[in-house]
Amino acid sequence: MLDANLFRFQQFVNSEKRLELNNYSELHSWSIERPDQFWDLLWDHCCVIGDKGERILVDGDKMPGATFFPDAVLNFAENLLRRRDDTDALVFWGEDRVKTRISWNELYDAVSLLAQALKAMGIGPGDRVSAILPNIPNAVIAMLAVSSLGAIWSSCSPDFGEQAVVDRFDQIGPKLLIAADGYFYNGKVIDILPKLAGIVGKLPTLGKVVIVPFMRQHTDQVPDVGAVDKAVLLADFTGDYRAKDI
């Protein structure tokens, strides 16, 4: 109990506000009575990286309608990637074919490589990057790389139909598409490169398509991306860069 995060936060609140909250119920009641103070101290206790701003809560009497931290500025990726060591950041099992562990150091380096390549391509704040990826480590890496640049991330599952993908992404005008070559489902190998070729042709704002060879990487094949307009393999897209601080 004394090592619990919630207990440590309770002690922090007591110290900062000179209170005597003795249990979870009292902490919960106080958080409802003073939501501005609760979230202000939670930001500090969790050591959120960013500028909190002067205002903590605006229109607190309106639910819905209240706004917390209206002036705050922070980067999602910067906060998630603050840890740098060799312990597991991601442990991935893809049905019975793929098992992967990625450390915090490896995750940071992978995000760094992709972020540099994205920046060199001109991706920056407000740009949209779309992805057609299964739940694989590359999806997390790509999301963090895009977020680190202040760009907007939008993704969908590779089992979406061609028109469903176009309907989703055409609304936001993506500058880049990141897509897997295929995926595994229920023991089957599903190739999406033919579908991807049709999707790309219907998204005129795309400047480049980056192919993640997930399926073929684990079936000892090399993806032929020639039929997909503007496509390049992930390794070629990031190949000129070395990991560095982002």
Protein backbone atom coordinates (compact mmCIF):
# COMPACT_ATOMS: atom_id res chain seq x y z
CA MET A 1 0.00 0.00 0.00
CA LEU A 2 2.75 2.47 0.90
CA ASP A 3 4.37 1.85 -2.49
CA ALA A 4 1.17 2.41 -4.46
CA ASN A 5 1.10 5.34 -6.87
CA LEU A 6 -2.26 6.46 -5.53
CA PHE A 7 -0.99 6.54 -1.96
CA ARG A 8 2.04 8.57 -3.02
CA PHE A 9 -0.22 11.03 -4.78
CA GLN A 10 -2.42 11.27 -1.69
CA GLN A 11 0.63 12.12 0.40
CA PHE A 12 1.71 14.69 -2.20
CA VAL A 13 -1.72 16.36 -2.04
CA ASN A 14 -1.60 16.44 1.76
CA SER A 15 1.82 18.02 1.68
CA GLU A 16 1.06 20.62 -0.99
CA LYS A 17 -2.38 21.63 0.32
CA ARG A 18 -1.84 20.97 4.04
CA LEU A 19 -4.70 18.50 4.10
CA GLU A 20 -5.26 15.29 6.02
CA LEU A 21 -6.74 12.94 3.45
CA ASN A 22 -6.47 9.48 4.99
CA ASN A 23 -7.89 7.13 2.37
CA TYR A 24 -9.13 6.76 -1.17
CA SER A 25 -12.69 7.89 -0.35
CA GLU A 26 -11.44 11.15 1.11
CA LEU A 27 -9.13 11.74 -1.84
CA HIS A 28 -11.98 11.02 -4.24
CA SER A 29 -14.33 13.42 -2.42
CA TRP A 30 -11.71 16.17 -2.48
CA SER A 31 -11.09 15.64 -6.22
CA ILE A 32 -14.81 16.24 -6.88
CA GLU A 33 -14.97 19.29 -4.63
CA ARG A 34 -11.78 20.85 -6.06
CA PRO A 35 -11.21 19.43 -9.55
CA ASP A 36 -8.97 22.38 -10.46
CA GLN A 37 -6.57 21.63 -7.62
CA PHE A 38 -6.76 17.88 -8.22
CA TRP A 39 -5.70 18.11 -11.88
CA ASP A 40 -3.16 20.83 -11.19
CA LEU A 41 -1.39 18.64 -8.64
CA LEU A 42 -1.77 15.49 -10.74
CA TRP A 43 0.08 17.20 -13.60
CA ASP A 44 2.92 18.08 -11.21
CA HIS A 45 2.99 14.69 -9.49
CA CYS A 46 3.18 12.83 -12.80
CA CYS A 47 5.94 15.19 -14.02
CA VAL A 48 4.18 15.92 -17.30
CA ILE A 49 6.61 17.47 -19.77
CA GLY A 50 5.12 20.64 -21.21
CA ASP A 51 3.77 24.09 -20.41
CA LYS A 52 0.75 23.77 -18.13
CA GLY A 53 -0.37 27.35 -18.68
CA GLU A 54 -1.96 29.68 -16.17
CA ARG A 55 -5.55 28.44 -16.37
CA ILE A 56 -6.34 25.00 -14.97
CA LEU A 57 -10.12 24.88 -15.30
CA VAL A 58 -12.52 27.09 -17.22
CA ASP A 59 -16.31 26.83 -16.85
CA GLY A 60 -15.93 24.18 -14.18
CA ASP A 61 -19.62 24.41 -13.33
CA LYS A 62 -20.57 23.15 -16.81
CA MET A 63 -20.67 19.40 -17.39
CA PRO A 64 -20.34 19.00 -20.32
CA GLY A 65 -18.64 22.24 -21.22
CA ALA A 66 -15.80 22.45 -18.67
CA THR A 67 -12.33 22.88 -20.13
CA PHE A 68 -9.17 21.70 -18.39
CA PHE A 69 -5.75 23.21 -19.14
CA PRO A 70 -6.98 25.40 -22.05
CA ASP A 71 -3.53 26.99 -22.44
CA ALA A 72 -1.43 23.84 -22.03
CA VAL A 73 1.13 22.89 -24.65
CA LEU A 74 2.76 19.46 -24.65
CA ASN A 75 3.90 16.73 -26.98
CA PHE A 76 2.39 13.29 -26.62
CA ALA A 77 5.46 11.48 -27.96
CA GLU A 78 7.92 13.42 -25.80
CA ASN A 79 6.09 12.30 -22.69
CA LEU A 80 5.77 8.65 -23.73
CA LEU A 81 9.42 8.38 -24.80
CA ARG A 82 11.00 9.92 -21.72
CA ARG A 83 12.19 6.53 -20.50
CA ARG A 84 15.51 5.33 -21.93
CA ASP A 85 16.73 1.89 -20.84
CA ASP A 86 16.89 -1.73 -21.96
CA THR A 87 13.72 -2.96 -20.25
CA ASP A 88 10.71 -3.94 -22.36
CA ALA A 89 8.66 -1.16 -23.89
CA LEU A 90 6.70 -3.40 -26.25
CA VAL A 91 6.09 -7.15 -26.13
CA PHE A 92 4.37 -8.32 -29.29
CA TRP A 93 2.85 -11.69 -30.17
CA GLY A 94 1.34 -12.00 -33.62
CA GLU A 95 -0.76 -15.17 -33.53
CA ASP A 96 1.69 -18.12 -33.70
CA ARG A 97 4.12 -16.59 -36.22
CA VAL A 98 5.75 -13.54 -34.67
CA LYS A 99 7.14 -12.77 -31.23
CA THR A 100 9.05 -9.55 -30.67
CA ARG A 101 10.37 -7.56 -27.73
CA ILE A 102 11.43 -3.93 -28.10
CA SER A 103 13.24 -2.06 -25.34
CA TRP A 104 12.71 1.59 -24.51
CA ASN A 105 16.07 2.41 -26.10
CA GLU A 106 15.17 0.50 -29.27
CA LEU A 107 11.76 2.15 -29.42
CA TYR A 108 13.28 5.60 -29.09
CA ASP A 109 15.83 4.91 -31.82
CA ALA A 110 13.21 3.52 -34.20
CA VAL A 111 11.00 6.56 -33.64
CA SER A 112 13.99 8.84 -34.16
CA LEU A 113 14.84 7.30 -37.55
CA LEU A 114 11.30 7.58 -38.85
CA ALA A 115 10.78 11.09 -37.46
CA GLN A 116 13.91 12.31 -39.23
CA ALA A 117 12.76 10.82 -42.53
CA LEU A 118 9.29 12.33 -42.11
CA LYS A 119 10.75 15.75 -41.32
CA ALA A 120 13.06 15.59 -44.35
CA MET A 121 10.00 14.87 -46.50
CA GLY A 122 8.38 18.03 -45.16
CA ILE A 123 6.01 16.57 -42.58
CA GLY A 124 5.38 19.09 -39.82
CA PRO A 125 2.74 20.52 -37.48
CA GLY A 126 -0.77 20.15 -38.82
CA ASP A 127 0.12 17.78 -41.66
CA ARG A 128 -1.89 14.58 -41.84
CA VAL A 129 -0.32 11.14 -41.97
CA SER A 130 -2.54 8.12 -42.53
CA ALA A 131 -1.77 4.49 -41.85
CA ILE A 132 -3.14 1.09 -42.79
CA LEU A 133 -1.49 -1.11 -40.21
CA PRO A 134 -2.37 -4.09 -38.02
CA ASN A 135 -1.64 -3.96 -34.28
CA ILE A 136 2.14 -4.33 -34.65
CA PRO A 137 5.10 -2.46 -33.15
CA ASN A 138 5.51 -0.45 -36.35
CA ALA A 139 2.10 1.10 -35.73
CA VAL A 140 3.24 2.41 -32.34
CA ILE A 141 6.57 3.59 -33.78
CA ALA A 142 4.87 5.42 -36.65
CA MET A 143 2.27 7.05 -34.40
CA LEU A 144 4.98 8.34 -32.05
CA ALA A 145 7.16 9.59 -34.91
CA VAL A 146 4.26 11.50 -36.45
CA SER A 147 3.19 12.90 -33.07
CA SER A 148 6.74 13.99 -32.25
CA LEU A 149 6.59 16.40 -35.22
CA GLY A 150 3.21 17.83 -34.27
CA ALA A 151 1.55 16.16 -37.25
CA ILE A 152 -1.87 14.49 -37.15
CA TRP A 153 -2.15 10.70 -37.12
CA SER A 154 -5.09 8.75 -38.52
CA SER A 155 -5.16 4.98 -38.96
CA CYS A 156 -7.37 2.07 -39.86
CA SER A 157 -7.19 -1.70 -39.85
CA PRO A 158 -5.87 -3.46 -42.97
CA ASP A 159 -9.06 -5.51 -43.17
CA PHE A 160 -11.02 -2.40 -44.21
CA GLY A 161 -12.38 -2.52 -47.76
CA GLU A 162 -10.84 -0.26 -50.38
CA GLN A 163 -13.69 2.26 -50.49
CA ALA A 164 -13.99 2.36 -46.69
CA VAL A 165 -10.32 3.36 -46.45
CA VAL A 166 -10.71 6.02 -49.14
CA ASP A 167 -13.83 7.43 -47.48
CA ARG A 168 -11.98 7.76 -44.18
CA PHE A 169 -8.70 9.24 -45.39
CA ASP A 170 -9.91 11.40 -48.27
CA GLN A 171 -11.65 13.65 -45.73
CA ILE A 172 -8.36 14.75 -44.17
CA GLY A 173 -6.08 14.95 -47.23
CA PRO A 174 -3.08 12.92 -45.99
CA LYS A 175 0.39 13.91 -47.15
CA LEU A 176 1.83 10.46 -46.45
CA LEU A 177 0.46 6.93 -46.15
CA ILE A 178 2.19 4.21 -44.11
CA ALA A 179 0.89 0.72 -44.83
CA ALA A 180 1.74 -2.90 -44.16
CA ASP A 181 2.10 -5.25 -47.12
CA GLY A 182 -0.29 -7.64 -45.40
CA TYR A 183 -1.17 -9.35 -42.15
CA PHE A 184 -1.98 -12.68 -40.55
CA TYR A 185 -5.48 -13.64 -39.47
CA ASN A 186 -6.69 -16.95 -38.10
CA GLY A 187 -3.64 -18.69 -39.51
CA LYS A 188 -4.07 -17.16 -42.97
CA VAL A 189 -1.73 -14.82 -44.82
CA ILE A 190 -3.60 -11.79 -46.18
CA ASP A 191 -1.83 -9.76 -48.90
CA ILE A 192 -3.11 -6.18 -49.20
CA LEU A 193 -0.72 -4.76 -51.81
CA PRO A 194 -3.27 -5.16 -54.66
CA LYS A 195 -5.90 -3.34 -52.60
CA LEU A 196 -3.36 -0.71 -51.59
CA ALA A 197 -2.65 0.12 -55.24
CA GLY A 198 -6.29 1.01 -55.74
CA ILE A 199 -6.47 3.06 -52.54
CA VAL A 200 -3.42 5.17 -53.37
CA GLY A 201 -4.85 6.06 -56.76
CA LYS A 202 -7.88 7.61 -55.06
CA LEU A 203 -5.94 9.76 -52.58
CA PRO A 204 -4.54 12.63 -54.69
CA THR A 205 -2.91 14.49 -51.78
CA LEU A 206 -0.38 11.72 -51.10
CA GLY A 207 3.26 12.58 -51.69
CA LYS A 208 4.63 9.18 -50.72
CA VAL A 209 3.60 5.73 -49.56
CA VAL A 210 5.82 3.87 -47.08
CA ILE A 211 5.43 0.09 -47.07
CA VAL A 212 6.11 -1.88 -43.88
CA PRO A 213 6.99 -5.47 -44.97
CA PHE A 214 5.29 -7.14 -42.04
CA MET A 215 3.74 -10.11 -43.82
CA ARG A 216 6.59 -10.86 -46.21
CA GLN A 217 9.23 -10.26 -43.57
CA HIS A 218 7.91 -13.29 -41.75
CA THR A 219 7.37 -15.43 -44.87
CA ASP A 220 10.88 -14.89 -46.29
CA GLN A 221 9.66 -12.82 -49.23
CA VAL A 222 10.63 -9.37 -50.48
CA PRO A 223 7.68 -7.07 -51.22
CA ASP A 224 7.37 -5.90 -54.82
CA VAL A 225 5.96 -2.43 -54.38
CA GLY A 226 6.24 -1.49 -58.05
CA ALA A 227 2.49 -1.69 -58.58
CA VAL A 228 1.81 0.85 -55.80
CA ASP A 229 2.29 4.41 -56.97
CA LYS A 230 4.77 6.54 -54.98
CA ALA A 231 5.69 3.55 -52.79
CA VAL A 232 8.98 2.93 -51.02
CA LEU A 233 9.98 0.31 -48.47
CA LEU A 234 10.37 1.46 -44.86
CA ALA A 235 14.07 0.50 -44.78
CA ASP A 236 14.75 2.66 -47.84
CA PHE A 237 12.74 5.55 -46.42
CA THR A 238 14.75 5.65 -43.16
CA GLY A 239 18.02 4.23 -44.52
CA ASP A 240 19.95 7.52 -44.66
CA TYR A 241 19.45 8.36 -41.01
CA ARG A 242 20.99 7.45 -37.67
CA ALA A 243 19.26 7.51 -34.31
CA LYS A 244 19.61 10.78 -32.42
CA ASP A 245 17.69 12.85 -29.91
CA ILE A 246 14.36 14.09 -31.20
